C-alpha atoms as a PDB file:
ATOM      1  CA  UNK A   1      -2.929  11.926  26.336  1.00  0.00           C
ATOM      2  CA  UNK A   2      -2.447   8.845  24.037  1.00  0.00           C
ATOM      3  CA  UNK A   3       0.981   7.939  23.010  1.00  0.00           C
ATOM      4  CA  UNK A   4       2.012   7.340  19.340  1.00  0.00           C
ATOM      5  CA  UNK A   5       0.595   4.368  17.716  1.00  0.00           C
ATOM      6  CA  UNK A   6       2.913   1.424  17.515  1.00  0.00           C
ATOM      7  CA  UNK A   7       5.526   3.078  19.305  1.00  0.00           C
ATOM      8  CA  UNK A   8       5.946   5.736  16.883  1.00  0.00           C
ATOM      9  CA  UNK A   9       7.215   3.294  14.124  1.00  0.00           C
ATOM     10  CA  UNK A  10       5.715   3.085  10.745  1.00  0.00           C
ATOM     11  CA  UNK A  11       4.585   0.036   9.034  1.00  0.00           C
ATOM     12  CA  UNK A  12       5.830  -0.442   5.337  1.00  0.00           C
ATOM     13  CA  UNK A  13       5.558  -3.364   2.901  1.00  0.00           C
ATOM     14  CA  UNK A  14       7.702  -3.312  -0.260  1.00  0.00           C
ATOM     15  CA  UNK A  15       6.445  -4.730  -3.362  1.00  0.00           C
ATOM     16  CA  UNK A  16       6.131  -8.591  -3.522  1.00  0.00           C
ATOM     17  CA  UNK A  17       4.854  -9.916  -6.892  1.00  0.00           C
ATOM     18  CA  UNK A  18       1.621  -8.607  -7.633  1.00  0.00           C
ATOM     19  CA  UNK A  19       0.439  -8.029  -3.908  1.00  0.00           C
ATOM     20  CA  UNK A  20       0.166  -4.381  -3.951  1.00  0.00           C
ATOM     21  CA  UNK A  21      -3.796  -4.668  -2.816  1.00  0.00           C
ATOM     22  CA  UNK A  22      -2.627  -6.701   0.242  1.00  0.00           C
ATOM     23  CA  UNK A  23       0.458  -4.026   0.897  1.00  0.00           C
ATOM     24  CA  UNK A  24      -2.222  -1.295   0.599  1.00  0.00           C
ATOM     25  CA  UNK A  25      -4.495  -2.578   3.017  1.00  0.00           C
ATOM     26  CA  UNK A  26      -1.918  -3.716   5.531  1.00  0.00           C
ATOM     27  CA  UNK A  27      -0.478  -0.155   5.385  1.00  0.00           C
ATOM     28  CA  UNK A  28      -3.941   1.394   5.894  1.00  0.00           C
ATOM     29  CA  UNK A  29      -3.982  -0.447   9.047  1.00  0.00           C
ATOM     30  CA  UNK A  30      -0.285  -0.259   9.909  1.00  0.00           C
ATOM     31  CA  UNK A  31       0.242  -4.017  10.574  1.00  0.00           C
ATOM     32  CA  UNK A  32       0.541  -7.081   8.845  1.00  0.00           C
ATOM     33  CA  UNK A  33      -3.157  -7.783   9.356  1.00  0.00           C
ATOM     34  CA  UNK A  34      -4.020  -9.651   5.928  1.00  0.00           C
ATOM     35  CA  UNK A  35      -2.181 -11.958   3.559  1.00  0.00           C
ATOM     36  CA  UNK A  36      -2.881 -12.642  -0.106  1.00  0.00           C
ATOM     37  CA  UNK A  37      -4.847 -15.783   1.116  1.00  0.00           C
ATOM     38  CA  UNK A  38      -7.184 -13.845   3.099  1.00  0.00           C
ATOM     39  CA  UNK A  39      -8.016 -11.324   0.445  1.00  0.00           C
ATOM     40  CA  UNK A  40      -8.380 -14.418  -1.996  1.00  0.00           C
ATOM     41  CA  UNK A  41     -10.843 -15.776   0.572  1.00  0.00           C
ATOM     42  CA  UNK A  42     -12.783 -12.581   0.548  1.00  0.00           C
ATOM     43  CA  UNK A  43     -12.839 -12.395  -3.127  1.00  0.00           C
ATOM     44  CA  UNK A  44     -14.277 -15.909  -3.269  1.00  0.00           C
ATOM     45  CA  UNK A  45     -16.992 -14.958  -0.742  1.00  0.00           C
ATOM     46  CA  UNK A  46     -17.854 -11.803  -3.004  1.00  0.00           C
ATOM     47  CA  UNK A  47     -18.085 -13.727  -6.144  1.00  0.00           C
ATOM     48  CA  UNK A  48     -20.394 -16.395  -4.730  1.00  0.00           C
ATOM     49  CA  UNK A  49     -22.802 -13.759  -3.364  1.00  0.00           C
ATOM     50  CA  UNK A  50     -22.683 -12.016  -6.802  1.00  0.00           C
ATOM     51  CA  UNK A  51     -23.697 -15.018  -8.590  1.00  0.00           C
ATOM     52  CA  UNK A  52     -26.282 -15.894  -6.160  1.00  0.00           C
ATOM     53  CA  UNK A  53     -27.758 -12.442  -6.638  1.00  0.00           C
ATOM     54  CA  UNK A  54     -27.915 -12.926 -10.287  1.00  0.00           C
ATOM     55  CA  UNK A  55     -29.483 -16.274 -10.103  1.00  0.00           C
ATOM     56  CA  UNK A  56     -32.087 -14.795  -7.719  1.00  0.00           C
ATOM     57  CA  UNK A  57     -32.881 -11.865  -9.653  1.00  0.00           C
ATOM     58  CA  UNK A  58     -32.644 -12.904 -13.294  1.00  0.00           C
ATOM     59  CA  UNK A  59     -33.109 -16.725 -12.849  1.00  0.00           C
ATOM     60  CA  UNK A  60     -30.052 -17.299 -14.810  1.00  0.00           C
ATOM     61  CA  UNK A  61     -31.982 -17.287 -17.811  1.00  0.00           C
ATOM     62  CA  UNK A  62     -30.706 -13.896 -19.715  1.00  0.00           C
ATOM     63  CA  UNK A  63     -27.926 -13.733 -21.834  1.00  0.00           C
ATOM     64  CA  UNK A  64     -26.260 -11.077 -19.612  1.00  0.00           C
ATOM     65  CA  UNK A  65     -26.763 -13.475 -16.271  1.00  0.00           C
ATOM     66  CA  UNK A  66     -25.556 -16.348 -18.242  1.00  0.00           C
ATOM     67  CA  UNK A  67     -22.434 -14.692 -19.357  1.00  0.00           C
ATOM     68  CA  UNK A  68     -21.824 -13.432 -15.800  1.00  0.00           C
ATOM     69  CA  UNK A  69     -22.223 -16.672 -14.523  1.00  0.00           C
ATOM     70  CA  UNK A  70     -19.779 -18.529 -16.576  1.00  0.00           C
ATOM     71  CA  UNK A  71     -17.115 -15.856 -16.279  1.00  0.00           C
ATOM     72  CA  UNK A  72     -14.217 -16.150 -13.899  1.00  0.00           C
ATOM     73  CA  UNK A  73     -13.768 -14.402 -10.905  1.00  0.00           C
ATOM     74  CA  UNK A  74     -14.789 -10.565 -10.970  1.00  0.00           C
ATOM     75  CA  UNK A  75     -13.158  -9.643  -7.697  1.00  0.00           C
ATOM     76  CA  UNK A  76      -9.546 -11.208  -8.336  1.00  0.00           C
ATOM     77  CA  UNK A  77      -7.782 -11.423 -11.670  1.00  0.00           C
ATOM     78  CA  UNK A  78      -5.459 -14.372 -12.803  1.00  0.00           C
ATOM     79  CA  UNK A  79      -2.602 -12.100 -11.922  1.00  0.00           C
ATOM     80  CA  UNK A  80      -3.731 -11.595  -8.322  1.00  0.00           C
ATOM     81  CA  UNK A  81      -4.997  -8.157  -8.775  1.00  0.00           C
ATOM     82  CA  UNK A  82      -8.006  -7.538  -6.361  1.00  0.00           C
ATOM     83  CA  UNK A  83     -11.159  -5.357  -6.696  1.00  0.00           C
ATOM     84  CA  UNK A  84     -12.054  -2.463  -4.788  1.00  0.00           C
ATOM     85  CA  UNK A  85     -14.785  -4.479  -3.266  1.00  0.00           C
ATOM     86  CA  UNK A  86     -12.298  -7.055  -1.618  1.00  0.00           C
ATOM     87  CA  UNK A  87     -10.349  -4.053  -0.116  1.00  0.00           C
ATOM     88  CA  UNK A  88     -13.572  -2.688   1.138  1.00  0.00           C
ATOM     89  CA  UNK A  89     -14.530  -5.933   2.894  1.00  0.00           C
ATOM     90  CA  UNK A  90     -11.216  -6.499   4.257  1.00  0.00           C
ATOM     91  CA  UNK A  91     -11.470  -3.070   5.912  1.00  0.00           C
ATOM     92  CA  UNK A  92     -14.932  -3.657   6.947  1.00  0.00           C
ATOM     93  CA  UNK A  93     -13.509  -6.273   9.340  1.00  0.00           C
ATOM     94  CA  UNK A  94     -12.181  -3.516  11.314  1.00  0.00           C
ATOM     95  CA  UNK A  95     -15.081  -1.224  11.061  1.00  0.00           C
ATOM     96  CA  UNK A  96     -13.374   1.038   8.404  1.00  0.00           C
ATOM     97  CA  UNK A  97     -15.581   2.504   5.648  1.00  0.00           C
ATOM     98  CA  UNK A  98     -14.255   3.207   2.223  1.00  0.00           C
ATOM     99  CA  UNK A  99     -15.904   5.858  -0.002  1.00  0.00           C
ATOM    100  CA  UNK A 100     -14.820   7.663  -3.459  1.00  0.00           C
ATOM    101  CA  UNK A 101     -13.333  10.787  -2.762  1.00  0.00           C
ATOM    102  CA  UNK A 102     -15.567  12.571  -5.583  1.00  0.00           C
ATOM    103  CA  UNK A 103     -18.675  11.258  -3.813  1.00  0.00           C
ATOM    104  CA  UNK A 104     -21.217  13.869  -2.139  1.00  0.00           C
ATOM    105  CA  UNK A 105     -20.059  12.559   1.208  1.00  0.00           C
ATOM    106  CA  UNK A 106     -16.396  13.458   0.590  1.00  0.00           C
ATOM    107  CA  UNK A 107     -16.999  17.264  -0.677  1.00  0.00           C
ATOM    108  CA  UNK A 108     -15.214  18.862   2.164  1.00  0.00           C
ATOM    109  CA  UNK A 109     -12.197  16.522   1.961  1.00  0.00           C
ATOM    110  CA  UNK A 110     -11.586  17.449  -1.811  1.00  0.00           C
ATOM    111  CA  UNK A 111     -10.834  20.932  -0.451  1.00  0.00           C
ATOM    112  CA  UNK A 112      -9.140  19.971   2.676  1.00  0.00           C
ATOM    113  CA  UNK A 113      -7.772  16.455   2.450  1.00  0.00           C
ATOM    114  CA  UNK A 114      -5.849  16.809   5.821  1.00  0.00           C
ATOM    115  CA  UNK A 115      -9.207  16.281   7.570  1.00  0.00           C
ATOM    116  CA  UNK A 116      -9.065  12.692   6.626  1.00  0.00           C
ATOM    117  CA  UNK A 117      -6.671   9.915   7.908  1.00  0.00           C
ATOM    118  CA  UNK A 118      -6.259   7.788   4.966  1.00  0.00           C
ATOM    119  CA  UNK A 119      -6.567   7.463   1.122  1.00  0.00           C
ATOM    120  CA  UNK A 120      -6.451   4.536  -1.166  1.00  0.00           C
ATOM    121  CA  UNK A 121      -5.095   5.234  -4.756  1.00  0.00           C
ATOM    122  CA  UNK A 122      -5.601   2.988  -7.580  1.00  0.00           C
ATOM    123  CA  UNK A 123      -4.716   3.029 -11.476  1.00  0.00           C
ATOM    124  CA  UNK A 124      -4.593   0.167 -13.975  1.00  0.00           C
ATOM    125  CA  UNK A 125      -3.427  -2.817 -11.498  1.00  0.00           C
ATOM    126  CA  UNK A 126      -1.922  -0.846  -8.813  1.00  0.00           C
ATOM    127  CA  UNK A 127      -2.834   0.047  -5.232  1.00  0.00           C
ATOM    128  CA  UNK A 128      -1.393   2.021  -2.587  1.00  0.00           C
ATOM    129  CA  UNK A 129      -2.324   4.180   0.377  1.00  0.00           C
ATOM    130  CA  UNK A 130      -1.583   7.555   1.867  1.00  0.00           C
ATOM    131  CA  UNK A 131      -1.836   7.538   5.504  1.00  0.00           C
ATOM    132  CA  UNK A 132      -1.536   9.944   8.578  1.00  0.00           C
ATOM    133  CA  UNK A 133       0.300   8.462  11.117  1.00  0.00           C
ATOM    134  CA  UNK A 134       0.842  10.144  14.525  1.00  0.00           C
ATOM    135  CA  UNK A 135      -0.367  13.481  12.887  1.00  0.00           C
ATOM    136  CA  UNK A 136       2.044  13.235   9.932  1.00  0.00           C
ATOM    137  CA  UNK A 137       1.220  12.083   6.365  1.00  0.00           C
ATOM    138  CA  UNK A 138       3.170   9.716   4.506  1.00  0.00           C
ATOM    139  CA  UNK A 139       2.975   7.628   1.082  1.00  0.00           C
ATOM    140  CA  UNK A 140       3.133   4.274   1.619  1.00  0.00           C
ATOM    141  CA  UNK A 141       3.355   2.976  -2.040  1.00  0.00           C
ATOM    142  CA  UNK A 142       4.889  -0.358  -1.834  1.00  0.00           C
ATOM    143  CA  UNK A 143       6.917   0.431  -4.952  1.00  0.00           C
ATOM    144  CA  UNK A 144       8.858   3.092  -3.083  1.00  0.00           C
ATOM    145  CA  UNK A 145      11.785   1.584  -0.458  1.00  0.00           C
ATOM    146  CA  UNK A 146      10.344   3.445   2.531  1.00  0.00           C
ATOM    147  CA  UNK A 147       7.303   5.714   3.339  1.00  0.00           C
ATOM    148  CA  UNK A 148       7.594   9.165   1.821  1.00  0.00           C
ATOM    149  CA  UNK A 149       6.813  11.968   4.219  1.00  0.00           C
ATOM    150  CA  UNK A 150       4.208  14.667   2.806  1.00  0.00           C
ATOM    151  CA  UNK A 151       3.682  17.907   4.246  1.00  0.00           C
ATOM    152  CA  UNK A 152      -0.107  18.862   4.848  1.00  0.00           C
ATOM    153  CA  UNK A 153       0.332  21.344   1.787  1.00  0.00           C
ATOM    154  CA  UNK A 154       1.842  18.984  -0.542  1.00  0.00           C
ATOM    155  CA  UNK A 155      -0.608  16.499   0.263  1.00  0.00           C
ATOM    156  CA  UNK A 156      -3.288  18.305  -1.311  1.00  0.00           C
ATOM    157  CA  UNK A 157      -1.187  19.154  -4.398  1.00  0.00           C
ATOM    158  CA  UNK A 158       0.047  15.277  -4.639  1.00  0.00           C
ATOM    159  CA  UNK A 159      -3.798  14.145  -4.435  1.00  0.00           C
ATOM    160  CA  UNK A 160      -4.658  16.788  -7.212  1.00  0.00           C
ATOM    161  CA  UNK A 161      -1.882  15.480  -9.471  1.00  0.00           C
ATOM    162  CA  UNK A 162      -2.995  11.726  -9.066  1.00  0.00           C
ATOM    163  CA  UNK A 163      -6.497  12.696  -9.883  1.00  0.00           C
ATOM    164  CA  UNK A 164      -5.358  14.748 -12.897  1.00  0.00           C
ATOM    165  CA  UNK A 165      -3.421  11.681 -14.172  1.00  0.00           C
ATOM    166  CA  UNK A 166      -6.241   9.147 -14.116  1.00  0.00           C
ATOM    167  CA  UNK A 167      -5.877   7.759 -10.565  1.00  0.00           C
ATOM    168  CA  UNK A 168      -9.047   6.883  -8.735  1.00  0.00           C
ATOM    169  CA  UNK A 169      -8.919   7.898  -4.942  1.00  0.00           C
ATOM    170  CA  UNK A 170     -10.821   6.659  -2.188  1.00  0.00           C
ATOM    171  CA  UNK A 171     -11.069   7.753   1.657  1.00  0.00           C
ATOM    172  CA  UNK A 172     -10.952   5.589   4.438  1.00  0.00           C
ATOM    173  CA  UNK A 173     -12.933   6.410   7.460  1.00  0.00           C
ATOM    174  CA  UNK A 174     -13.411   4.809  10.964  1.00  0.00           C
ATOM    175  CA  UNK A 175     -11.466   4.141  14.203  1.00  0.00           C
ATOM    176  CA  UNK A 176      -8.061   2.760  13.002  1.00  0.00           C
ATOM    177  CA  UNK A 177      -6.232   0.136  14.944  1.00  0.00           C
ATOM    178  CA  UNK A 178      -3.496   1.877  17.137  1.00  0.00           C
ATOM    179  CA  UNK A 179      -1.387  -1.556  17.629  1.00  0.00           C
ATOM    180  CA  UNK A 180      -0.133  -4.222  15.191  1.00  0.00           C
ATOM    181  CA  UNK A 181      -0.487  -7.755  15.928  1.00  0.00           C
ATOM    182  CA  UNK A 182       2.142  -8.849  18.494  1.00  0.00           C
ATOM    183  CA  UNK A 183       2.867 -12.470  17.665  1.00  0.00           C
ATOM    184  CA  UNK A 184       5.634 -13.025  15.161  1.00  0.00           C
ATOM    185  CA  UNK A 185       3.514 -15.627  13.673  1.00  0.00           C
ATOM    186  CA  UNK A 186       1.306 -12.870  12.248  1.00  0.00           C
ATOM    187  CA  UNK A 187       4.012 -11.252  10.305  1.00  0.00           C
ATOM    188  CA  UNK A 188       4.116 -11.760   6.329  1.00  0.00           C
ATOM    189  CA  UNK A 189       7.831 -11.656   5.398  1.00  0.00           C
ATOM    190  CA  UNK A 190       7.941  -8.444   3.743  1.00  0.00           C
ATOM    191  CA  UNK A 191       6.746  -5.847   6.136  1.00  0.00           C
ATOM    192  CA  UNK A 192       9.276  -3.614   7.933  1.00  0.00           C
ATOM    193  CA  UNK A 193       8.979  -1.326  10.885  1.00  0.00           C
ATOM    194  CA  UNK A 194      10.839   2.034  10.618  1.00  0.00           C
ATOM    195  CA  UNK A 195      11.282   5.194  12.416  1.00  0.00           C
ATOM    196  CA  UNK A 196      10.286   8.274  10.547  1.00  0.00           C
ATOM    197  CA  UNK A 197      14.038   9.190  10.549  1.00  0.00           C
ATOM    198  CA  UNK A 198      15.145   5.931   9.059  1.00  0.00           C
ATOM    199  CA  UNK A 199      12.167   6.095   6.534  1.00  0.00           C
ATOM    200  CA  UNK A 200      13.443   9.391   5.529  1.00  0.00           C
ATOM    201  CA  UNK A 201      17.516   8.285   5.373  1.00  0.00           C
ATOM    202  CA  UNK A 202      16.511   5.355   3.160  1.00  0.00           C
ATOM    203  CA  UNK A 203      14.708   7.539   0.695  1.00  0.00           C
ATOM    204  CA  UNK A 204      17.394  10.055   0.597  1.00  0.00           C
ATOM    205  CA  UNK A 205      20.056   7.363   0.093  1.00  0.00           C
ATOM    206  CA  UNK A 206      18.104   5.988  -2.724  1.00  0.00           C
ATOM    207  CA  UNK A 207      17.626   9.261  -4.363  1.00  0.00           C
ATOM    208  CA  UNK A 208      21.449   9.899  -3.958  1.00  0.00           C
ATOM    209  CA  UNK A 209      22.002   6.675  -5.471  1.00  0.00           C
ATOM    210  CA  UNK A 210      19.979   7.449  -8.446  1.00  0.00           C
ATOM    211  CA  UNK A 211      21.472  10.730  -8.833  1.00  0.00           C
ATOM    212  CA  UNK A 212      25.242   9.253  -8.881  1.00  0.00           C
ATOM    213  CA  UNK A 213      24.021   6.653 -11.251  1.00  0.00           C
ATOM    214  CA  UNK A 214      22.845   8.516 -14.476  1.00  0.00           C
ATOM    215  CA  UNK A 215      22.823   5.275 -16.558  1.00  0.00           C
ATOM    216  CA  UNK A 216      19.935   3.992 -14.521  1.00  0.00           C
ATOM    217  CA  UNK A 217      16.471   4.311 -15.618  1.00  0.00           C
ATOM    218  CA  UNK A 218      13.396   4.167 -13.696  1.00  0.00           C
ATOM    219  CA  UNK A 219      10.011   3.534 -15.470  1.00  0.00           C
ATOM    220  CA  UNK A 220       7.034   5.478 -14.209  1.00  0.00           C
ATOM    221  CA  UNK A 221       3.411   4.763 -14.989  1.00  0.00           C
ATOM    222  CA  UNK A 222       3.797   7.579 -17.673  1.00  0.00           C
ATOM    223  CA  UNK A 223       4.658   4.689 -19.985  1.00  0.00           C
ATOM    224  CA  UNK A 224       1.240   3.094 -19.061  1.00  0.00           C
ATOM    225  CA  UNK A 225       3.379  -0.077 -18.001  1.00  0.00           C
ATOM    226  CA  UNK A 226       1.543  -2.580 -15.929  1.00  0.00           C
ATOM    227  CA  UNK A 227       2.846  -3.591 -12.509  1.00  0.00           C
ATOM    228  CA  UNK A 228       4.549  -6.909 -13.886  1.00  0.00           C
ATOM    229  CA  UNK A 229       6.461  -4.817 -16.375  1.00  0.00           C
ATOM    230  CA  UNK A 230       7.529  -2.313 -13.922  1.00  0.00           C
ATOM    231  CA  UNK A 231       8.850  -4.911 -11.483  1.00  0.00           C
ATOM    232  CA  UNK A 232      10.659  -6.628 -14.504  1.00  0.00           C
ATOM    233  CA  UNK A 233      12.223  -3.624 -15.907  1.00  0.00           C
ATOM    234  CA  UNK A 234      13.753  -2.503 -12.382  1.00  0.00           C
ATOM    235  CA  UNK A 235      15.266  -5.786 -11.248  1.00  0.00           C
ATOM    236  CA  UNK A 236      18.702  -4.257 -12.028  1.00  0.00           C
ATOM    237  CA  UNK A 237      18.332  -1.583  -9.390  1.00  0.00           C
ATOM    238  CA  UNK A 238      17.338  -4.153  -6.639  1.00  0.00           C
ATOM    239  CA  UNK A 239      20.835  -5.101  -5.386  1.00  0.00           C
ATOM    240  CA  UNK A 240      21.945  -1.640  -5.123  1.00  0.00           C
ATOM    241  CA  UNK A 241      19.084  -0.549  -3.152  1.00  0.00           C
ATOM    242  CA  UNK A 242      19.463  -3.555  -0.847  1.00  0.00           C
ATOM    243  CA  UNK A 243      22.952  -2.910  -0.108  1.00  0.00           C
ATOM    244  CA  UNK A 244      22.143   0.588   0.715  1.00  0.00           C
ATOM    245  CA  UNK A 245      19.300  -0.461   3.235  1.00  0.00           C
ATOM    246  CA  UNK A 246      21.402  -3.252   4.659  1.00  0.00           C
ATOM    247  CA  UNK A 247      24.116  -0.592   5.322  1.00  0.00           C
ATOM    248  CA  UNK A 248      21.756   1.850   6.877  1.00  0.00           C
ATOM    249  CA  UNK A 249      19.859  -0.858   9.242  1.00  0.00           C
ATOM    250  CA  UNK A 250      23.196  -2.143  10.493  1.00  0.00           C
ATOM    251  CA  UNK A 251      23.888   1.272  11.818  1.00  0.00           C
ATOM    252  CA  UNK A 252      20.261   1.445  13.415  1.00  0.00           C
ATOM    253  CA  UNK A 253      19.446  -0.491  16.325  1.00  0.00           C
ATOM    254  CA  UNK A 254      16.158  -1.599  17.132  1.00  0.00           C
ATOM    255  CA  UNK A 255      14.487  -1.197  13.686  1.00  0.00           C
ATOM    256  CA  UNK A 256      14.342  -3.976  11.406  1.00  0.00           C
ATOM    257  CA  UNK A 257      12.386  -5.461   8.416  1.00  0.00           C
ATOM    258  CA  UNK A 258      10.642  -8.538   7.865  1.00  0.00           C
ATOM    259  CA  UNK A 259       9.206  -9.770  10.928  1.00  0.00           C
ATOM    260  CA  UNK A 260       9.789  -7.084  13.293  1.00  0.00           C
ATOM    261  CA  UNK A 261       7.200  -6.745  15.547  1.00  0.00           C
ATOM    262  CA  UNK A 262       6.204  -3.767  18.147  1.00  0.00           C
ATOM    263  CA  UNK A 263       5.711  -4.977  21.663  1.00  0.00           C
ATOM    264  CA  UNK A 264       3.135  -3.762  24.055  1.00  0.00           C
ATOM    265  CA  UNK A 265       5.400  -1.108  25.210  1.00  0.00           C
ATOM    266  CA  UNK A 266       6.262   0.110  21.779  1.00  0.00           C
ATOM    267  CA  UNK A 267       9.664  -1.506  21.583  1.00  0.00           C
ATOM    268  CA  UNK A 268      10.862  -3.133  18.375  1.00  0.00           C
ATOM    269  CA  UNK A 269      12.061  -6.718  18.312  1.00  0.00           C
ATOM    270  CA  UNK A 270      13.686  -7.939  15.292  1.00  0.00           C
ATOM    271  CA  UNK A 271      13.217 -11.655  13.957  1.00  0.00           C
ATOM    272  CA  UNK A 272      15.548 -13.164  11.397  1.00  0.00           C
ATOM    273  CA  UNK A 273      14.553 -11.921   8.063  1.00  0.00           C
ATOM    274  CA  UNK A 274      16.147 -11.469   4.639  1.00  0.00           C
ATOM    275  CA  UNK A 275      14.238  -8.613   3.551  1.00  0.00           C
ATOM    276  CA  UNK A 276      15.361  -5.035   2.681  1.00  0.00           C
ATOM    277  CA  UNK A 277      14.283  -1.581   3.302  1.00  0.00           C
ATOM    278  CA  UNK A 278      15.718  -0.698  -0.049  1.00  0.00           C
ATOM    279  CA  UNK A 279      14.725  -3.878  -1.950  1.00  0.00           C
ATOM    280  CA  UNK A 280      12.255  -1.423  -3.959  1.00  0.00           C
ATOM    281  CA  UNK A 281      11.005  -2.296  -7.390  1.00  0.00           C
ATOM    282  CA  UNK A 282      10.315   1.373  -8.167  1.00  0.00           C
ATOM    283  CA  UNK A 283      11.252   4.899  -8.807  1.00  0.00           C
ATOM    284  CA  UNK A 284      12.758   6.126  -5.746  1.00  0.00           C
ATOM    285  CA  UNK A 285      12.804   9.531  -6.702  1.00  0.00           C
ATOM    286  CA  UNK A 286      10.413  10.712  -4.220  1.00  0.00           C
ATOM    287  CA  UNK A 287      11.211  14.436  -4.019  1.00  0.00           C
ATOM    288  CA  UNK A 288       9.262  14.773  -7.307  1.00  0.00           C
ATOM    289  CA  UNK A 289       6.592  12.155  -7.283  1.00  0.00           C
ATOM    290  CA  UNK A 290       4.361  13.550  -9.901  1.00  0.00           C
ATOM    291  CA  UNK A 291       2.828  10.666 -12.001  1.00  0.00           C
ATOM    292  CA  UNK A 292       1.327  11.228 -15.436  1.00  0.00           C
ATOM    293  CA  UNK A 293      -1.280   9.098 -16.787  1.00  0.00           C
END
């Protein structure tokens, strides 16, 4: 019988700039496999192929073709938001397939989502993943300070809530990697390894801080804010959550942030890092994560 992947640890990336697509791909894979430069390169390749197809198909003579060819990238925005095609290409490197949850091939999973292993969720310019790790479901939204555990029953209700609020959901299928890169050079600086227990403790502590500070305001997607607005609006909470996480990690040997790497035997070894578990730019009120469009 196989042991737990990555020594039983959870890999989570906390929001950095507008790199949610990078965070989403890496948490699907459960390791720091891709950087923003990797995805940008994939986007460039896709743009080149699309332009070539337009030239070969229409000769570049039609008005629509000319407009397409003179436009900027269709796979990465100036702000750094990537298209689903880029995420698909990244995951194809690991022989993983991305299909829409509302497609005929996914009909059974629409009623029994627990049959799958990973979902990618998208609304406006934000991406995040919901992933099964060691037979337990977690929400790896990079706007959360740590992964949020989801029961199998709640998974279905949560996905229905997202769909009802306008989110587009994709399924990821295939043989997922069981181990992360072992070299510290492969880390990206904003990833963190957590035990399920520490993830729960961080979430609970941030929730408690929110309850005890009623004046704090946590914007949500109900206001149709884009990612930059969300991040800017919530900078005031960052230091508080960083302090909470730092105190939690100080009391937890073997678990760290940033360039923490899981070794071959599943042991976590900490590298120097200034990252923080609770350095989240999002609503940490995870107990009621219903998101309205």
